[in-house]
Structures are given as structure tokens and as C-alpha cells.
């Protein structure tokens, strides 16, 4: 009886080990599927989110015969081998570690984000931020600014409301602060001046991260920075220290928006830009 019992115990133990191994394999397969599904849904979400603003900008330009407004692009490279797919053809795209790409629309949700990229051969695809090193901003401010007609057509076509008679559009690509007076769909440009927004590793977050920015408050000095106008954890302030010759050309800040002293003072004046005014960043 004892011998039979030991044999039965061994069989049950062997079966348990096999079943345990099978369970671990199934669990592993499920984890892989979960990761793959997570990346897929992340790509799909990023696509619908960022493409929205590109399409609206194109539609506005077509309807008003003005320039197409674009957001800033970024030079980046992959930090690991990446397998993704072409947005246009759905064909598989394989990029080895160290591949250079142009980020057309950056997802500003740090490591959890999925950014729209363009490969060296012009293929558009989506790559998770955790596999990207953002090397440099590709702002085009040095090549000139948008026309007044383009700026007004763009903000009015976006139907941007404000609780005051003022709104600010910070153009990341052109490195310009544009101030408008009026109301939704009837904004008129009253002032524009060069700025420097956030650099590659500390970017100024655009409307794909948070759509509704407003001027929250103002302070004469914040950590040594003069004429500080706050919006959502960041702000506009006087350029500190040297290097101001890069203004309007190169993003150099730590996510804030640097401007010349006279312009920081102008925005700081509540008669020009009241607290509560809408801030549009793209």
C-alpha cells in the first residue's frame, strides 16, 4: 500500500510540475501578447491624437489660401532595435539601434508616449518614446516667420476661445510669441516677438499634452527670473544670462518661454495680457 502510494505521489508531483511549466508558458505568452497589444493601442491612440492638429492646420490653409502651420520637429535616434509599421502602407518597418529619425509630432507623455516619426527614406511610423533619444530641435524660426494673414487664419480656424479679450499663441516651430485681441473666431494680431522654448530634454509641452492652457498668475521675480507669467507649471519670462542671440531661432530653455526684457514686461502688464487669457502652444 505504501509503495503504491509513493508511486501515486510521484505521478501527481510530475503532473504538477508539467502543469506548472505549462502555466508559466501560457502566462509568458499572455504577457507578450499584453505588451504587444499595449504598444499597438498606444500607437493607434497617438496617431488619432496628433494627426488631428496636423489635419486641421492643413484644412485651414487650404480654405484660406495661407501657409500650413506646423509644430516643431525633432531630430532623434533609436536606442534599441525597433519593429513598427508604415502608416501609409502598413508594411513592417525594422530599424536597428542608432537609426536616425525625424519626429514629426512628439508625444510629450515622456516614457509612456508614442511619437510620430519619419525614417531616412520618408516612411512615417510610430515609435515608443522609451526607444527614442531626442537629440535636437529642428525649429525653422531662422528661416522666417509666418505672415500676419496666416497667423490670424490659423487661430480663427482653430476656434480658440478665451475668458478675456486676449489670447497667446506660442509657435514652437517658428519660436515666436503671438498675441491677439478679440474673441473666438475673430482674433486680430496685435503683437509678435521672438522667443526660445524648451530644449530637447526639457521641451515646452504643446496642446497634444494639455489642450487648455491659460495665464494663471504673474510674479515679478521667480527664482531669479524676472516678469514671470505662469501657465500650467511653466511660464513666460525675461531671458536670463547670456546666449540671447539664439532667440527666435533655437529652443534652449528648461521648458519655459524666454523672451527679451521689454517683451516680458509687456506681457506682464495686465492691460496687455490679463490673467485668465488663453495660451495656445503648437
C-alpha atoms as a PDB file:
ATOM      1  CA  UNK A   1       0.000   0.000   0.000  1.00  0.00           C
ATOM      2  CA  UNK A   2       2.770   2.403   0.907  1.00  0.00           C
ATOM      3  CA  UNK A   3       4.640   1.582  -2.339  1.00  0.00           C
ATOM      4  CA  UNK A   4       1.557   2.291  -4.437  1.00  0.00           C
ATOM      5  CA  UNK A   5       1.003   5.486  -2.510  1.00  0.00           C
ATOM      6  CA  UNK A   6       4.568   6.669  -3.237  1.00  0.00           C
ATOM      7  CA  UNK A   7       4.122   5.916  -6.953  1.00  0.00           C
ATOM      8  CA  UNK A   8       0.898   7.891  -6.934  1.00  0.00           C
ATOM      9  CA  UNK A   9       2.627  10.774  -5.175  1.00  0.00           C
ATOM     10  CA  UNK A  10       5.424  10.768  -7.774  1.00  0.00           C
ATOM     11  CA  UNK A  11       2.920  10.805 -10.637  1.00  0.00           C
ATOM     12  CA  UNK A  12       0.946  13.627  -9.057  1.00  0.00           C
ATOM     13  CA  UNK A  13       4.191  15.562  -8.491  1.00  0.00           C
ATOM     14  CA  UNK A  14       5.344  15.005 -12.101  1.00  0.00           C
ATOM     15  CA  UNK A  15       1.924  16.054 -13.383  1.00  0.00           C
ATOM     16  CA  UNK A  16       2.024  19.115 -11.154  1.00  0.00           C
ATOM     17  CA  UNK A  17       5.474  20.063 -12.485  1.00  0.00           C
ATOM     18  CA  UNK A  18       4.294  19.672 -16.082  1.00  0.00           C
ATOM     19  CA  UNK A  19       1.136  21.616 -15.370  1.00  0.00           C
ATOM     20  CA  UNK A  20       3.178  24.317 -13.606  1.00  0.00           C
ATOM     21  CA  UNK A  21       5.554  24.568 -16.570  1.00  0.00           C
ATOM     22  CA  UNK A  22       2.621  24.810 -18.958  1.00  0.00           C
ATOM     23  CA  UNK A  23       1.041  27.508 -16.803  1.00  0.00           C
ATOM     24  CA  UNK A  24       4.244  29.521 -16.823  1.00  0.00           C
ATOM     25  CA  UNK A  25       4.480  29.207 -20.620  1.00  0.00           C
ATOM     26  CA  UNK A  26       0.871  30.344 -21.021  1.00  0.00           C
ATOM     27  CA  UNK A  27       1.461  33.212 -18.599  1.00  0.00           C
ATOM     28  CA  UNK A  28       4.558  34.212 -20.560  1.00  0.00           C
ATOM     29  CA  UNK A  29       2.682  34.135 -23.848  1.00  0.00           C
ATOM     30  CA  UNK A  30      -0.112  36.217 -22.335  1.00  0.00           C
ATOM     31  CA  UNK A  31       2.410  38.767 -21.060  1.00  0.00           C
ATOM     32  CA  UNK A  32       3.975  39.063 -24.518  1.00  0.00           C
ATOM     33  CA  UNK A  33       0.533  39.494 -26.063  1.00  0.00           C
ATOM     34  CA  UNK A  34      -0.353  42.088 -23.450  1.00  0.00           C
ATOM     35  CA  UNK A  35       2.797  44.085 -24.221  1.00  0.00           C
ATOM     36  CA  UNK A  36       2.209  43.813 -27.961  1.00  0.00           C
ATOM     37  CA  UNK A  37      -1.418  44.847 -27.535  1.00  0.00           C
ATOM     38  CA  UNK A  38      -0.384  47.711 -25.294  1.00  0.00           C
ATOM     39  CA  UNK A  39       2.093  49.010 -27.863  1.00  0.00           C
ATOM     40  CA  UNK A  40      -0.445  48.631 -30.628  1.00  0.00           C
ATOM     41  CA  UNK A  41      -3.156  50.547 -28.803  1.00  0.00           C
ATOM     42  CA  UNK A  42      -0.590  53.152 -27.810  1.00  0.00           C
ATOM     43  CA  UNK A  43       0.332  53.672 -31.454  1.00  0.00           C
ATOM     44  CA  UNK A  44      -3.298  53.883 -32.506  1.00  0.00           C
ATOM     45  CA  UNK A  45      -4.048  56.435 -29.775  1.00  0.00           C
ATOM     46  CA  UNK A  46      -1.035  58.549 -30.667  1.00  0.00           C
ATOM     47  CA  UNK A  47      -1.981  58.513 -34.327  1.00  0.00           C
ATOM     48  CA  UNK A  48      -5.533  59.776 -33.808  1.00  0.00           C
ATOM     49  CA  UNK A  49      -4.399  62.362 -31.246  1.00  0.00           C
ATOM     50  CA  UNK A  50      -1.512  64.022 -33.061  1.00  0.00           C
ATOM     51  CA  UNK A  51      -2.850  63.753 -36.608  1.00  0.00           C
ATOM     52  CA  UNK A  52      -5.908  65.779 -35.592  1.00  0.00           C
ATOM     53  CA  UNK A  53      -4.000  69.061 -35.293  1.00  0.00           C
ATOM     54  CA  UNK A  54      -1.994  68.468 -38.460  1.00  0.00           C
ATOM     55  CA  UNK A  55      -5.176  67.843 -40.446  1.00  0.00           C
ATOM     56  CA  UNK A  56      -6.926  70.920 -39.043  1.00  0.00           C
ATOM     57  CA  UNK A  57      -3.914  73.113 -39.880  1.00  0.00           C
ATOM     58  CA  UNK A  58      -3.880  71.750 -43.448  1.00  0.00           C
ATOM     59  CA  UNK A  59      -7.626  72.304 -43.805  1.00  0.00           C
ATOM     60  CA  UNK A  60      -7.328  75.908 -42.597  1.00  0.00           C
ATOM     61  CA  UNK A  61      -4.506  76.629 -45.052  1.00  0.00           C
ATOM     62  CA  UNK A  62      -6.462  75.141 -47.950  1.00  0.00           C
ATOM     63  CA  UNK A  63      -9.599  77.127 -47.094  1.00  0.00           C
ATOM     64  CA  UNK A  64      -7.835  80.477 -46.636  1.00  0.00           C
ATOM     65  CA  UNK A  65      -5.004  80.166 -49.175  1.00  0.00           C
ATOM     66  CA  UNK A  66      -2.397  80.711 -46.459  1.00  0.00           C
ATOM     67  CA  UNK A  67       0.669  78.805 -45.269  1.00  0.00           C
ATOM     68  CA  UNK A  68       0.319  75.488 -43.457  1.00  0.00           C
ATOM     69  CA  UNK A  69       1.174  75.982 -39.793  1.00  0.00           C
ATOM     70  CA  UNK A  70       3.333  73.218 -38.344  1.00  0.00           C
ATOM     71  CA  UNK A  71       4.626  72.332 -34.930  1.00  0.00           C
ATOM     72  CA  UNK A  72       8.296  71.814 -34.144  1.00  0.00           C
ATOM     73  CA  UNK A  73      10.087  68.681 -35.359  1.00  0.00           C
ATOM     74  CA  UNK A  74      12.865  66.895 -33.506  1.00  0.00           C
ATOM     75  CA  UNK A  75      15.952  65.027 -34.609  1.00  0.00           C
ATOM     76  CA  UNK A  76      16.136  61.704 -32.767  1.00  0.00           C
ATOM     77  CA  UNK A  77      17.693  58.260 -32.918  1.00  0.00           C
ATOM     78  CA  UNK A  78      16.575  54.852 -31.763  1.00  0.00           C
ATOM     79  CA  UNK A  79      18.180  53.478 -28.606  1.00  0.00           C
ATOM     80  CA  UNK A  80      17.290  49.851 -29.431  1.00  0.00           C
ATOM     81  CA  UNK A  81      16.138  47.796 -32.379  1.00  0.00           C
ATOM     82  CA  UNK A  82      12.543  48.731 -33.243  1.00  0.00           C
ATOM     83  CA  UNK A  83       9.876  46.862 -35.191  1.00  0.00           C
ATOM     84  CA  UNK A  84       6.947  49.048 -36.232  1.00  0.00           C
ATOM     85  CA  UNK A  85       4.857  49.590 -39.376  1.00  0.00           C
ATOM     86  CA  UNK A  86       4.381  52.182 -42.081  1.00  0.00           C
ATOM     87  CA  UNK A  87       1.392  54.476 -41.580  1.00  0.00           C
ATOM     88  CA  UNK A  88       0.914  54.682 -45.342  1.00  0.00           C
ATOM     89  CA  UNK A  89       1.281  51.038 -46.421  1.00  0.00           C
ATOM     90  CA  UNK A  90       1.077  49.086 -43.115  1.00  0.00           C
ATOM     91  CA  UNK A  91       4.259  47.287 -44.175  1.00  0.00           C
ATOM     92  CA  UNK A  92       6.630  46.207 -41.426  1.00  0.00           C
ATOM     93  CA  UNK A  93       9.448  48.638 -40.670  1.00  0.00           C
ATOM     94  CA  UNK A  94      12.588  47.431 -38.885  1.00  0.00           C
ATOM     95  CA  UNK A  95      15.020  49.990 -37.508  1.00  0.00           C
ATOM     96  CA  UNK A  96      18.293  48.944 -35.879  1.00  0.00           C
ATOM     97  CA  UNK A  97      19.560  50.699 -32.769  1.00  0.00           C
ATOM     98  CA  UNK A  98      21.121  54.048 -33.636  1.00  0.00           C
ATOM     99  CA  UNK A  99      18.812  54.764 -36.602  1.00  0.00           C
ATOM    100  CA  UNK A 100      18.230  58.475 -37.205  1.00  0.00           C
ATOM    101  CA  UNK A 101      14.604  59.600 -37.467  1.00  0.00           C
ATOM    102  CA  UNK A 102      12.732  62.894 -37.623  1.00  0.00           C
ATOM    103  CA  UNK A 103       9.983  63.216 -35.028  1.00  0.00           C
ATOM    104  CA  UNK A 104       7.084  64.869 -36.850  1.00  0.00           C
ATOM    105  CA  UNK A 105       4.790  65.047 -33.824  1.00  0.00           C
ATOM    106  CA  UNK A 106       6.319  64.392 -30.450  1.00  0.00           C
ATOM    107  CA  UNK A 107       4.211  62.732 -27.785  1.00  0.00           C
ATOM    108  CA  UNK A 108       5.089  64.674 -24.645  1.00  0.00           C
ATOM    109  CA  UNK A 109       3.970  61.952 -22.232  1.00  0.00           C
ATOM    110  CA  UNK A 110       7.627  61.108 -21.504  1.00  0.00           C
ATOM    111  CA  UNK A 111       8.450  57.382 -21.436  1.00  0.00           C
ATOM    112  CA  UNK A 112       4.813  56.316 -21.875  1.00  0.00           C
ATOM    113  CA  UNK A 113       4.407  58.290 -25.091  1.00  0.00           C
ATOM    114  CA  UNK A 114       4.437  57.096 -28.697  1.00  0.00           C
ATOM    115  CA  UNK A 115       5.703  59.654 -31.213  1.00  0.00           C
ATOM    116  CA  UNK A 116       5.029  60.016 -34.929  1.00  0.00           C
ATOM    117  CA  UNK A 117       8.336  59.666 -36.772  1.00  0.00           C
ATOM    118  CA  UNK A 118       9.715  59.781 -40.296  1.00  0.00           C
ATOM    119  CA  UNK A 119      12.580  57.483 -41.273  1.00  0.00           C
ATOM    120  CA  UNK A 120      15.514  58.393 -43.527  1.00  0.00           C
ATOM    121  CA  UNK A 121      13.618  57.092 -46.588  1.00  0.00           C
ATOM    122  CA  UNK A 122      10.496  59.154 -45.789  1.00  0.00           C
ATOM    123  CA  UNK A 123       8.397  56.394 -44.218  1.00  0.00           C
ATOM    124  CA  UNK A 124       6.020  57.579 -41.480  1.00  0.00           C
ATOM    125  CA  UNK A 125       5.689  55.310 -38.461  1.00  0.00           C
ATOM    126  CA  UNK A 126       5.142  55.352 -34.707  1.00  0.00           C
ATOM    127  CA  UNK A 127       7.873  54.649 -32.146  1.00  0.00           C
ATOM    128  CA  UNK A 128       7.554  54.473 -28.365  1.00  0.00           C
ATOM    129  CA  UNK A 129       9.444  57.280 -26.619  1.00  0.00           C
ATOM    130  CA  UNK A 130      11.320  54.778 -24.472  1.00  0.00           C
ATOM    131  CA  UNK A 131      13.141  53.687 -27.649  1.00  0.00           C
ATOM    132  CA  UNK A 132      13.989  57.248 -28.733  1.00  0.00           C
ATOM    133  CA  UNK A 133      16.739  59.670 -27.796  1.00  0.00           C
ATOM    134  CA  UNK A 134      15.619  63.202 -28.658  1.00  0.00           C
ATOM    135  CA  UNK A 135      18.864  64.743 -29.863  1.00  0.00           C
ATOM    136  CA  UNK A 136      17.979  68.195 -31.178  1.00  0.00           C
ATOM    137  CA  UNK A 137      15.103  70.556 -32.006  1.00  0.00           C
ATOM    138  CA  UNK A 138      14.518  71.325 -35.691  1.00  0.00           C
ATOM    139  CA  UNK A 139      12.804  74.703 -35.332  1.00  0.00           C
ATOM    140  CA  UNK A 140      12.608  76.818 -38.507  1.00  0.00           C
ATOM    141  CA  UNK A 141      12.480  80.302 -36.955  1.00  0.00           C
ATOM    142  CA  UNK A 142      15.794  81.240 -38.572  1.00  0.00           C
ATOM    143  CA  UNK A 143      14.122  80.785 -41.976  1.00  0.00           C
ATOM    144  CA  UNK A 144      11.449  83.386 -41.255  1.00  0.00           C
ATOM    145  CA  UNK A 145       8.059  83.718 -39.586  1.00  0.00           C
ATOM    146  CA  UNK A 146       4.502  83.136 -40.790  1.00  0.00           C
ATOM    147  CA  UNK A 147       2.659  86.083 -42.319  1.00  0.00           C
ATOM    148  CA  UNK A 148       0.064  88.028 -40.315  1.00  0.00           C
ATOM    149  CA  UNK A 149      -2.641  86.618 -42.591  1.00  0.00           C
ATOM    150  CA  UNK A 150      -1.512  83.049 -41.874  1.00  0.00           C
ATOM    151  CA  UNK A 151      -1.423  83.632 -38.116  1.00  0.00           C
ATOM    152  CA  UNK A 152      -4.914  85.091 -37.970  1.00  0.00           C
ATOM    153  CA  UNK A 153      -6.346  82.464 -40.310  1.00  0.00           C
ATOM    154  CA  UNK A 154      -4.801  79.723 -38.175  1.00  0.00           C
ATOM    155  CA  UNK A 155      -6.066  80.835 -34.751  1.00  0.00           C
ATOM    156  CA  UNK A 156      -9.516  81.758 -36.067  1.00  0.00           C
ATOM    157  CA  UNK A 157      -9.767  78.460 -37.915  1.00  0.00           C
ATOM    158  CA  UNK A 158      -8.979  76.638 -34.667  1.00  0.00           C
ATOM    159  CA  UNK A 159     -11.978  78.338 -32.979  1.00  0.00           C
ATOM    160  CA  UNK A 160      -9.973  79.096 -29.836  1.00  0.00           C
ATOM    161  CA  UNK A 161     -11.999  80.707 -27.010  1.00  0.00           C
ATOM    162  CA  UNK A 162     -10.660  82.823 -24.142  1.00  0.00           C
ATOM    163  CA  UNK A 163     -12.291  84.142 -20.977  1.00  0.00           C
ATOM    164  CA  UNK A 164     -10.606  87.509 -21.673  1.00  0.00           C
ATOM    165  CA  UNK A 165     -10.260  89.614 -24.818  1.00  0.00           C
ATOM    166  CA  UNK A 166      -6.738  88.242 -25.272  1.00  0.00           C
ATOM    167  CA  UNK A 167      -5.074  85.037 -26.365  1.00  0.00           C
ATOM    168  CA  UNK A 168      -1.445  83.989 -26.883  1.00  0.00           C
ATOM    169  CA  UNK A 169      -0.187  81.533 -29.481  1.00  0.00           C
ATOM    170  CA  UNK A 170       3.352  80.265 -28.928  1.00  0.00           C
ATOM    171  CA  UNK A 171       4.686  78.853 -32.189  1.00  0.00           C
ATOM    172  CA  UNK A 172       7.203  76.137 -31.304  1.00  0.00           C
ATOM    173  CA  UNK A 173       8.393  75.784 -34.878  1.00  0.00           C
ATOM    174  CA  UNK A 174       8.893  79.488 -35.575  1.00  0.00           C
ATOM    175  CA  UNK A 175       9.954  80.337 -31.994  1.00  0.00           C
ATOM    176  CA  UNK A 176       7.546  83.256 -31.830  1.00  0.00           C
ATOM    177  CA  UNK A 177       5.046  84.556 -29.269  1.00  0.00           C
ATOM    178  CA  UNK A 178       1.925  85.929 -30.957  1.00  0.00           C
ATOM    179  CA  UNK A 179      -0.626  87.984 -29.013  1.00  0.00           C
ATOM    180  CA  UNK A 180      -4.172  88.504 -30.285  1.00  0.00           C
ATOM    181  CA  UNK A 181      -7.099  90.669 -29.206  1.00  0.00           C
ATOM    182  CA  UNK A 182     -10.756  89.938 -29.906  1.00  0.00           C
ATOM    183  CA  UNK A 183     -12.776  86.811 -29.322  1.00  0.00           C
ATOM    184  CA  UNK A 184     -13.323  83.292 -30.673  1.00  0.00           C
ATOM    185  CA  UNK A 185     -13.084  83.202 -34.495  1.00  0.00           C
ATOM    186  CA  UNK A 186     -12.415  86.961 -34.516  1.00  0.00           C
ATOM    187  CA  UNK A 187      -8.851  87.307 -33.277  1.00  0.00           C
ATOM    188  CA  UNK A 188      -6.591  90.092 -34.576  1.00  0.00           C
ATOM    189  CA  UNK A 189      -2.814  90.014 -34.184  1.00  0.00           C
ATOM    190  CA  UNK A 190      -1.580  92.929 -32.036  1.00  0.00           C
ATOM    191  CA  UNK A 191       1.969  91.918 -31.142  1.00  0.00           C
ATOM    192  CA  UNK A 192       4.576  89.319 -32.013  1.00  0.00           C
ATOM    193  CA  UNK A 193       8.126  88.793 -30.794  1.00  0.00           C
ATOM    194  CA  UNK A 194      10.835  86.112 -30.789  1.00  0.00           C
ATOM    195  CA  UNK A 195      11.227  83.582 -28.006  1.00  0.00           C
ATOM    196  CA  UNK A 196      13.117  80.447 -27.052  1.00  0.00           C
ATOM    197  CA  UNK A 197      11.119  77.453 -25.855  1.00  0.00           C
ATOM    198  CA  UNK A 198      12.209  74.178 -24.227  1.00  0.00           C
ATOM    199  CA  UNK A 199      15.231  72.236 -25.467  1.00  0.00           C
ATOM    200  CA  UNK A 200      15.205  68.552 -26.451  1.00  0.00           C
ATOM    201  CA  UNK A 201      15.405  67.099 -22.943  1.00  0.00           C
ATOM    202  CA  UNK A 202      13.070  69.691 -21.359  1.00  0.00           C
ATOM    203  CA  UNK A 203      10.523  70.627 -24.049  1.00  0.00           C
ATOM    204  CA  UNK A 204       7.682  73.098 -23.776  1.00  0.00           C
ATOM    205  CA  UNK A 205       4.556  70.899 -23.736  1.00  0.00           C
ATOM    206  CA  UNK A 206       2.126  71.533 -26.594  1.00  0.00           C
ATOM    207  CA  UNK A 207      -1.648  71.188 -26.998  1.00  0.00           C
ATOM    208  CA  UNK A 208      -1.409  67.435 -27.623  1.00  0.00           C
ATOM    209  CA  UNK A 209      -0.343  67.156 -23.953  1.00  0.00           C
ATOM    210  CA  UNK A 210      -2.789  69.669 -22.496  1.00  0.00           C
ATOM    211  CA  UNK A 211      -5.223  71.490 -24.750  1.00  0.00           C
ATOM    212  CA  UNK A 212      -6.339  74.259 -22.406  1.00  0.00           C
ATOM    213  CA  UNK A 213      -3.508  76.405 -21.084  1.00  0.00           C
ATOM    214  CA  UNK A 214      -4.339  79.779 -19.524  1.00  0.00           C
ATOM    215  CA  UNK A 215      -2.397  82.579 -17.849  1.00  0.00           C
ATOM    216  CA  UNK A 216      -2.738  81.567 -14.192  1.00  0.00           C
ATOM    217  CA  UNK A 217      -0.911  84.339 -12.363  1.00  0.00           C
ATOM    218  CA  UNK A 218       2.084  86.668 -12.554  1.00  0.00           C
ATOM    219  CA  UNK A 219       5.077  87.349 -10.337  1.00  0.00           C
ATOM    220  CA  UNK A 220       7.773  89.974 -10.617  1.00  0.00           C
ATOM    221  CA  UNK A 221      10.559  87.517  -9.698  1.00  0.00           C
ATOM    222  CA  UNK A 222      10.539  83.689  -9.510  1.00  0.00           C
ATOM    223  CA  UNK A 223      13.850  82.014  -8.658  1.00  0.00           C
ATOM    224  CA  UNK A 224      15.703  84.978 -10.123  1.00  0.00           C
ATOM    225  CA  UNK A 225      13.605  85.025 -13.310  1.00  0.00           C
ATOM    226  CA  UNK A 226      12.035  88.428 -13.993  1.00  0.00           C
ATOM    227  CA  UNK A 227       8.489  89.262 -15.159  1.00  0.00           C
ATOM    228  CA  UNK A 228       7.162  85.736 -14.824  1.00  0.00           C
ATOM    229  CA  UNK A 229       3.773  84.956 -16.418  1.00  0.00           C
ATOM    230  CA  UNK A 230       2.606  81.480 -15.330  1.00  0.00           C
ATOM    231  CA  UNK A 231       0.765  78.852 -17.355  1.00  0.00           C
ATOM    232  CA  UNK A 232       0.466  75.204 -16.202  1.00  0.00           C
ATOM    233  CA  UNK A 233       3.749  74.675 -14.378  1.00  0.00           C
ATOM    234  CA  UNK A 234       5.697  76.761 -16.859  1.00  0.00           C
ATOM    235  CA  UNK A 235       5.708  80.359 -17.982  1.00  0.00           C
ATOM    236  CA  UNK A 236       7.000  83.286 -19.995  1.00  0.00           C
ATOM    237  CA  UNK A 237       9.846  85.335 -18.502  1.00  0.00           C
ATOM    238  CA  UNK A 238      12.806  87.587 -19.254  1.00  0.00           C
ATOM    239  CA  UNK A 239      15.793  85.831 -20.847  1.00  0.00           C
ATOM    240  CA  UNK A 240      18.303  85.072 -18.077  1.00  0.00           C
ATOM    241  CA  UNK A 241      22.064  85.394 -18.599  1.00  0.00           C
ATOM    242  CA  UNK A 242      23.850  85.168 -21.960  1.00  0.00           C
ATOM    243  CA  UNK A 243      23.100  83.470 -25.272  1.00  0.00           C
ATOM    244  CA  UNK A 244      20.203  85.745 -26.186  1.00  0.00           C
ATOM    245  CA  UNK A 245      21.405  85.863 -29.805  1.00  0.00           C
ATOM    246  CA  UNK A 246      19.714  82.462 -30.242  1.00  0.00           C
ATOM    247  CA  UNK A 247      16.286  83.933 -29.510  1.00  0.00           C
ATOM    248  CA  UNK A 248      13.750  83.249 -32.237  1.00  0.00           C
ATOM    249  CA  UNK A 249      15.959  80.519 -33.669  1.00  0.00           C
ATOM    250  CA  UNK A 250      16.892  77.786 -31.191  1.00  0.00           C
ATOM    251  CA  UNK A 251      14.922  76.263 -28.281  1.00  0.00           C
ATOM    252  CA  UNK A 252      17.255  76.480 -25.269  1.00  0.00           C
ATOM    253  CA  UNK A 253      15.116  76.779 -22.150  1.00  0.00           C
ATOM    254  CA  UNK A 254      14.164  74.252 -19.477  1.00  0.00           C
ATOM    255  CA  UNK A 255      10.527  74.178 -20.753  1.00  0.00           C
ATOM    256  CA  UNK A 256       9.707  77.846 -20.069  1.00  0.00           C
ATOM    257  CA  UNK A 257       9.410  80.501 -22.769  1.00  0.00           C
ATOM    258  CA  UNK A 258      12.254  83.012 -22.748  1.00  0.00           C
ATOM    259  CA  UNK A 259      11.728  86.466 -24.266  1.00  0.00           C
ATOM    260  CA  UNK A 260      13.561  89.796 -24.309  1.00  0.00           C
ATOM    261  CA  UNK A 261      13.105  92.002 -21.230  1.00  0.00           C
ATOM    262  CA  UNK A 262      10.903  94.596 -22.941  1.00  0.00           C
ATOM    263  CA  UNK A 263       8.585  91.847 -24.201  1.00  0.00           C
ATOM    264  CA  UNK A 264       8.463  90.080 -20.850  1.00  0.00           C
ATOM    265  CA  UNK A 265       7.422  93.409 -19.312  1.00  0.00           C
ATOM    266  CA  UNK A 266       4.768  93.926 -21.985  1.00  0.00           C
ATOM    267  CA  UNK A 267       3.154  90.523 -21.304  1.00  0.00           C
ATOM    268  CA  UNK A 268       3.494  91.065 -17.552  1.00  0.00           C
ATOM    269  CA  UNK A 269       1.310  94.181 -17.828  1.00  0.00           C
ATOM    270  CA  UNK A 270      -2.283  93.065 -17.154  1.00  0.00           C
ATOM    271  CA  UNK A 271      -3.580  95.726 -19.520  1.00  0.00           C
ATOM    272  CA  UNK A 272      -1.898  93.851 -22.358  1.00  0.00           C
ATOM    273  CA  UNK A 273      -2.360  90.233 -21.247  1.00  0.00           C
ATOM    274  CA  UNK A 274      -4.861  89.762 -18.392  1.00  0.00           C
ATOM    275  CA  UNK A 275      -4.784  86.766 -16.049  1.00  0.00           C
ATOM    276  CA  UNK A 276      -7.142  84.116 -17.448  1.00  0.00           C
ATOM    277  CA  UNK A 277      -6.109  84.687 -21.073  1.00  0.00           C
ATOM    278  CA  UNK A 278      -5.882  81.566 -23.225  1.00  0.00           C
ATOM    279  CA  UNK A 279      -2.453  80.206 -24.198  1.00  0.00           C
ATOM    280  CA  UNK A 280      -2.190  78.015 -27.323  1.00  0.00           C
ATOM    281  CA  UNK A 281       1.065  76.106 -27.788  1.00  0.00           C
ATOM    282  CA  UNK A 282       1.860  74.270 -31.043  1.00  0.00           C
END
